[in-house]
Amino acid sequence: MNRISLIKLKKGLKVKILEVTGGRLMARRLSTLGLRPGACLTKISSFALRGPVTVKVGSTIIALGHSMAEKVLVDARPESCR
């Protein structure tokens, strides 16, 4: 397993969320958006210099702030979410 932060993930990859390392409130907020452990997402884009990260979960596109995206750990192997 290759655990990395969402901000370090290359765009276009579909991966599985392993863990949200933020606090309980942040984990709950992300969970209501569909970003919970076991869910698959595709990284659409990110911006340099600590800009937002855009991901697609199901048919929903979500923009996360840099610090929030940094706390989402994913399995970087593309075959983890087939």
N, C-alpha and C. Protein backbone atom coordinates (compact mmCIF):
# COMPACT_ATOMS: atom_id res chain seq x y z
N MET A 1 0.84 -1.17 0.00
CA MET A 1 0.00 0.00 0.00
C MET A 1 0.89 1.24 0.00
N ASN A 2 0.49 2.23 -0.75
CA ASN A 2 1.25 3.45 -0.88
C ASN A 2 0.41 4.62 -0.37
N ARG A 3 0.56 4.97 0.91
CA ARG A 3 -0.24 6.03 1.54
C ARG A 3 0.40 7.38 1.29
N ILE A 4 -0.34 8.26 0.63
CA ILE A 4 0.15 9.62 0.44
C ILE A 4 -1.00 10.60 0.67
N SER A 5 -0.63 11.84 0.84
CA SER A 5 -1.62 12.89 1.01
C SER A 5 -2.25 13.23 -0.34
N LEU A 6 -3.46 13.69 -0.31
CA LEU A 6 -4.17 14.05 -1.54
C LEU A 6 -3.45 15.13 -2.33
N ILE A 7 -2.73 16.02 -1.66
CA ILE A 7 -2.05 17.09 -2.39
C ILE A 7 -0.86 16.56 -3.19
N LYS A 8 -0.30 15.43 -2.81
CA LYS A 8 0.85 14.87 -3.53
C LYS A 8 0.43 13.93 -4.65
N LEU A 9 -0.84 13.63 -4.76
CA LEU A 9 -1.35 12.73 -5.78
C LEU A 9 -1.33 13.41 -7.14
N LYS A 10 -0.98 12.65 -8.18
CA LYS A 10 -1.00 13.20 -9.54
C LYS A 10 -2.44 13.32 -10.01
N LYS A 11 -2.69 14.35 -10.81
CA LYS A 11 -4.07 14.55 -11.27
C LYS A 11 -4.46 13.48 -12.28
N GLY A 12 -5.74 13.16 -12.28
CA GLY A 12 -6.28 12.17 -13.20
C GLY A 12 -6.34 10.77 -12.63
N LEU A 13 -5.72 10.52 -11.47
CA LEU A 13 -5.73 9.19 -10.88
C LEU A 13 -6.99 8.96 -10.04
N LYS A 14 -7.53 7.76 -10.14
CA LYS A 14 -8.68 7.37 -9.31
C LYS A 14 -8.14 6.49 -8.20
N VAL A 15 -8.38 6.90 -6.95
CA VAL A 15 -7.81 6.22 -5.79
C VAL A 15 -8.84 6.06 -4.69
N LYS A 16 -8.47 5.29 -3.67
CA LYS A 16 -9.35 5.04 -2.53
C LYS A 16 -8.85 5.83 -1.32
N ILE A 17 -9.78 6.42 -0.58
CA ILE A 17 -9.45 7.15 0.64
C ILE A 17 -9.18 6.13 1.75
N LEU A 18 -8.06 6.30 2.44
CA LEU A 18 -7.70 5.41 3.54
C LEU A 18 -8.05 6.02 4.89
N GLU A 19 -7.78 7.32 5.04
CA GLU A 19 -7.94 7.93 6.36
C GLU A 19 -8.04 9.45 6.22
N VAL A 20 -8.78 10.06 7.14
CA VAL A 20 -8.81 11.52 7.28
C VAL A 20 -8.17 11.82 8.62
N THR A 21 -7.01 12.49 8.60
CA THR A 21 -6.23 12.68 9.82
C THR A 21 -6.57 13.95 10.59
N GLY A 22 -7.50 14.73 10.10
CA GLY A 22 -7.90 15.94 10.80
C GLY A 22 -8.74 15.59 12.02
N GLY A 23 -9.28 16.60 12.64
CA GLY A 23 -10.12 16.40 13.82
C GLY A 23 -11.47 15.80 13.47
N ARG A 24 -12.24 15.54 14.51
CA ARG A 24 -13.55 14.91 14.36
C ARG A 24 -14.51 15.77 13.53
N LEU A 25 -14.49 17.08 13.73
CA LEU A 25 -15.39 17.96 12.99
C LEU A 25 -15.04 18.00 11.51
N MET A 26 -13.75 18.04 11.19
CA MET A 26 -13.35 18.04 9.79
C MET A 26 -13.72 16.72 9.13
N ALA A 27 -13.49 15.61 9.83
CA ALA A 27 -13.84 14.30 9.29
C ALA A 27 -15.34 14.21 9.03
N ARG A 28 -16.15 14.76 9.91
CA ARG A 28 -17.59 14.74 9.72
C ARG A 28 -18.00 15.60 8.53
N ARG A 29 -17.39 16.76 8.40
CA ARG A 29 -17.70 17.65 7.27
C ARG A 29 -17.35 16.99 5.94
N LEU A 30 -16.16 16.39 5.86
CA LEU A 30 -15.76 15.70 4.63
C LEU A 30 -16.65 14.50 4.36
N SER A 31 -17.07 13.81 5.40
CA SER A 31 -17.93 12.65 5.24
C SER A 31 -19.27 13.04 4.63
N THR A 32 -19.81 14.18 5.02
CA THR A 32 -21.08 14.63 4.44
C THR A 32 -20.93 14.98 2.96
N LEU A 33 -19.71 15.28 2.54
CA LEU A 33 -19.44 15.56 1.13
C LEU A 33 -19.14 14.28 0.33
N GLY A 34 -19.07 13.15 1.04
CA GLY A 34 -18.78 11.88 0.36
C GLY A 34 -17.32 11.45 0.47
N LEU A 35 -16.51 12.25 1.14
CA LEU A 35 -15.08 11.93 1.31
C LEU A 35 -14.89 11.21 2.64
N ARG A 36 -15.02 9.89 2.60
CA ARG A 36 -14.86 9.08 3.81
C ARG A 36 -13.99 7.88 3.47
N PRO A 37 -13.36 7.27 4.47
CA PRO A 37 -12.52 6.09 4.21
C PRO A 37 -13.29 5.02 3.44
N GLY A 38 -12.64 4.49 2.39
CA GLY A 38 -13.25 3.47 1.55
C GLY A 38 -13.85 4.03 0.28
N ALA A 39 -14.10 5.34 0.24
CA ALA A 39 -14.68 5.96 -0.96
C ALA A 39 -13.60 6.16 -2.01
N CYS A 40 -14.01 6.10 -3.27
CA CYS A 40 -13.08 6.34 -4.38
C CYS A 40 -13.25 7.76 -4.88
N LEU A 41 -12.14 8.37 -5.27
CA LEU A 41 -12.19 9.72 -5.82
C LEU A 41 -11.19 9.84 -6.95
N THR A 42 -11.39 10.84 -7.78
CA THR A 42 -10.46 11.16 -8.86
C THR A 42 -9.99 12.59 -8.65
N LYS A 43 -8.66 12.80 -8.65
CA LYS A 43 -8.13 14.14 -8.51
C LYS A 43 -8.21 14.83 -9.87
N ILE A 44 -8.89 15.95 -9.91
CA ILE A 44 -9.07 16.68 -11.15
C ILE A 44 -7.96 17.71 -11.36
N SER A 45 -7.69 18.51 -10.34
CA SER A 45 -6.66 19.54 -10.48
C SER A 45 -6.20 20.02 -9.12
N SER A 46 -5.09 20.74 -9.16
CA SER A 46 -4.60 21.44 -7.97
C SER A 46 -3.80 22.64 -8.46
N PHE A 47 -3.64 23.60 -7.60
CA PHE A 47 -2.95 24.81 -7.96
C PHE A 47 -1.68 24.94 -7.14
N ALA A 48 -0.69 25.57 -7.72
CA ALA A 48 0.60 25.76 -7.03
C ALA A 48 0.43 26.73 -5.86
N LEU A 49 1.41 26.71 -5.00
CA LEU A 49 1.47 27.65 -3.87
C LEU A 49 0.26 27.55 -2.94
N ARG A 50 -0.04 26.34 -2.53
CA ARG A 50 -1.05 26.07 -1.52
C ARG A 50 -2.47 26.46 -1.94
N GLY A 51 -2.77 26.30 -3.21
CA GLY A 51 -4.11 26.59 -3.71
C GLY A 51 -5.03 25.41 -3.49
N PRO A 52 -6.29 25.53 -3.92
CA PRO A 52 -7.27 24.47 -3.71
C PRO A 52 -7.00 23.22 -4.56
N VAL A 53 -7.53 22.11 -4.10
CA VAL A 53 -7.46 20.82 -4.81
C VAL A 53 -8.88 20.44 -5.18
N THR A 54 -9.08 20.10 -6.45
CA THR A 54 -10.41 19.73 -6.93
C THR A 54 -10.46 18.22 -7.15
N VAL A 55 -11.49 17.57 -6.59
CA VAL A 55 -11.65 16.12 -6.73
C VAL A 55 -13.07 15.81 -7.17
N LYS A 56 -13.24 14.62 -7.73
CA LYS A 56 -14.56 14.15 -8.13
C LYS A 56 -14.86 12.88 -7.36
N VAL A 57 -15.99 12.88 -6.65
CA VAL A 57 -16.46 11.72 -5.89
C VAL A 57 -17.83 11.37 -6.46
N GLY A 58 -17.92 10.22 -7.11
CA GLY A 58 -19.16 9.87 -7.79
C GLY A 58 -19.37 10.85 -8.93
N SER A 59 -20.48 11.58 -8.89
CA SER A 59 -20.74 12.59 -9.92
C SER A 59 -20.60 14.01 -9.37
N THR A 60 -20.07 14.13 -8.15
CA THR A 60 -19.93 15.42 -7.49
C THR A 60 -18.49 15.91 -7.56
N ILE A 61 -18.31 17.18 -7.91
CA ILE A 61 -16.98 17.80 -7.94
C ILE A 61 -16.86 18.70 -6.72
N ILE A 62 -15.76 18.52 -5.98
CA ILE A 62 -15.55 19.24 -4.72
C ILE A 62 -14.19 19.93 -4.75
N ALA A 63 -14.13 21.18 -4.32
CA ALA A 63 -12.88 21.90 -4.17
C ALA A 63 -12.53 21.96 -2.69
N LEU A 64 -11.35 21.48 -2.35
CA LEU A 64 -10.89 21.47 -0.96
C LEU A 64 -9.73 22.45 -0.81
N GLY A 65 -9.68 23.11 0.33
CA GLY A 65 -8.54 23.96 0.63
C GLY A 65 -7.30 23.10 0.80
N HIS A 66 -6.14 23.71 0.61
CA HIS A 66 -4.88 22.98 0.66
C HIS A 66 -4.69 22.25 1.99
N SER A 67 -4.93 22.92 3.10
CA SER A 67 -4.69 22.28 4.40
C SER A 67 -5.67 21.14 4.66
N MET A 68 -6.89 21.25 4.16
CA MET A 68 -7.86 20.17 4.33
C MET A 68 -7.48 18.98 3.45
N ALA A 69 -7.07 19.24 2.21
CA ALA A 69 -6.68 18.17 1.29
C ALA A 69 -5.42 17.46 1.78
N GLU A 70 -4.57 18.17 2.50
CA GLU A 70 -3.34 17.59 3.03
C GLU A 70 -3.63 16.51 4.07
N LYS A 71 -4.78 16.59 4.73
CA LYS A 71 -5.13 15.65 5.79
C LYS A 71 -5.91 14.43 5.29
N VAL A 72 -6.16 14.36 3.99
CA VAL A 72 -6.84 13.20 3.40
C VAL A 72 -5.77 12.27 2.84
N LEU A 73 -5.64 11.09 3.44
CA LEU A 73 -4.64 10.11 2.99
C LEU A 73 -5.30 9.10 2.09
N VAL A 74 -4.65 8.82 0.96
CA VAL A 74 -5.21 7.91 -0.04
C VAL A 74 -4.20 6.82 -0.37
N ASP A 75 -4.72 5.73 -0.94
CA ASP A 75 -3.88 4.65 -1.47
C ASP A 75 -3.54 5.05 -2.90
N ALA A 76 -2.29 5.40 -3.17
CA ALA A 76 -1.90 5.95 -4.47
C ALA A 76 -1.86 4.95 -5.60
N ARG A 77 -2.09 3.68 -5.32
CA ARG A 77 -2.11 2.70 -6.41
C ARG A 77 -3.44 2.83 -7.15
N PRO A 78 -3.40 3.09 -8.48
CA PRO A 78 -4.65 3.24 -9.23
C PRO A 78 -5.54 2.00 -9.18
N GLU A 79 -4.95 0.81 -9.04
CA GLU A 79 -5.76 -0.40 -9.01
C GLU A 79 -6.51 -0.57 -7.69
N SER A 80 -6.28 0.31 -6.71
CA SER A 80 -6.96 0.20 -5.42
C SER A 80 -8.46 0.51 -5.53
N CYS A 81 -8.86 1.13 -6.61
CA CYS A 81 -10.26 1.54 -6.74
C CYS A 81 -10.82 1.15 -8.12
N ARG A 82 -10.87 -0.11 -8.39
CA ARG A 82 -11.40 -0.57 -9.67
C ARG A 82 -12.73 -1.25 -9.48
